[in-house]
Amino acid sequence: MALDLPTSLSPSKVSSFQDCALAFRFSAIDRLPEPPSAPAIKGTAVHAALERLFALSAPERTLPRARQLLAEVMAEMEHDEEFAALGLDDAERAAFAADAGTMVGRYFDLEDPASIEPVGLEMMLEAQLDGVTVRGIIDRLERGPAGELIVSDYKTGKAPTVTQERSRLGGVNFYAYLCRVVLGEMPAKVQLIYLGQDPQVIVAPISEQSVNALERKLGAVWAAIERACEHDDFRPKRSALCNWCAFTQWCPAFGGDPDEGAAHGAALRAEAAARAGGAPEGGPEASETAVAVELSPTAPGR
């Protein structure tokens, strides 16, 4: 039986499909929830604090102010269901906040925020590519000293090794592609700002050739997803990522049944719809700034 296609492609979905097609199906099509993780929620807190920092005027962007903003974010997270689900005790909460504070402090070791001229924060860009919505959220879009466009992406995990760097940098062309299509301008650079262990800024080279290659890759990935949905053929791929996968109980590589996972996802969606009075799911959250454009055959780079 053919499966419903996902509603969009994002950098994380593309990576997920390439890493393991079955895990992609569980997440993007069956929409099975993944348990909250402390690193992910900590990253959300750091992102939120930096977003608020850059909403201030340049002279106000100081480290004490950033720490105050982080404290406000942490206070608000006390009422968040995902944060509560972590089940942290008082000591663990203090360590969580301290670790987030360390990452905010590291940011000031890498950049002077007062020198940045942001033009967009947590900015969602959308484009239509061959019938599929391609979307991504840019942490910070700014103008450089010469007026050039710069995309900055905060990373709260560990910086990649040399062998990992190529795959990690593959997603930067995704943001460059969206800027070219939606804003009509290629960024001069995309920089990844790592705030975890070994903090550093990695600047990714951008070219028309690399962005055009990304566009072709997106088309190929989407075609593969369409075939997989048509034939209900999403195969598991064993790797080290299985150690962190939330879906192993339904994975045949671990003795599970994917159909049971799909049924569980359908039941959860029906329950959520009933609670919401039948309201439709999906779409960008109200807090996100969405910019959309139709990609025509005559658009640059086609």
Foldseek 3Di string as FASTA:
>chain_A
DFFDFFQAAELVLLVVCVQFQLLSCLCRGLNDDFQADLLVVLVVLLLQLVLVLLVDALVSNDLVSSLVSSVVSLVVCVPPPSVVSVVDDPVRSVVSSVQSSQLSVVVVVADRSSQWAWPDAQAKEWEAAPHHIYIYTFHTWTADPVRFIETEAEAADDDDDPVCVVVVCLNVLSVQLRCCQQVVHGGQWYWYFYRYPPTDIDIDHDDLVSNLVVSVVVVVSSVVSNVCSRVVPTATDDDPCVVVRRCLQQHVVNPHNVVVSSVVSVVVVVVVCVVVVNDDDDDDDPPHHYGYDYGDPPRPSD
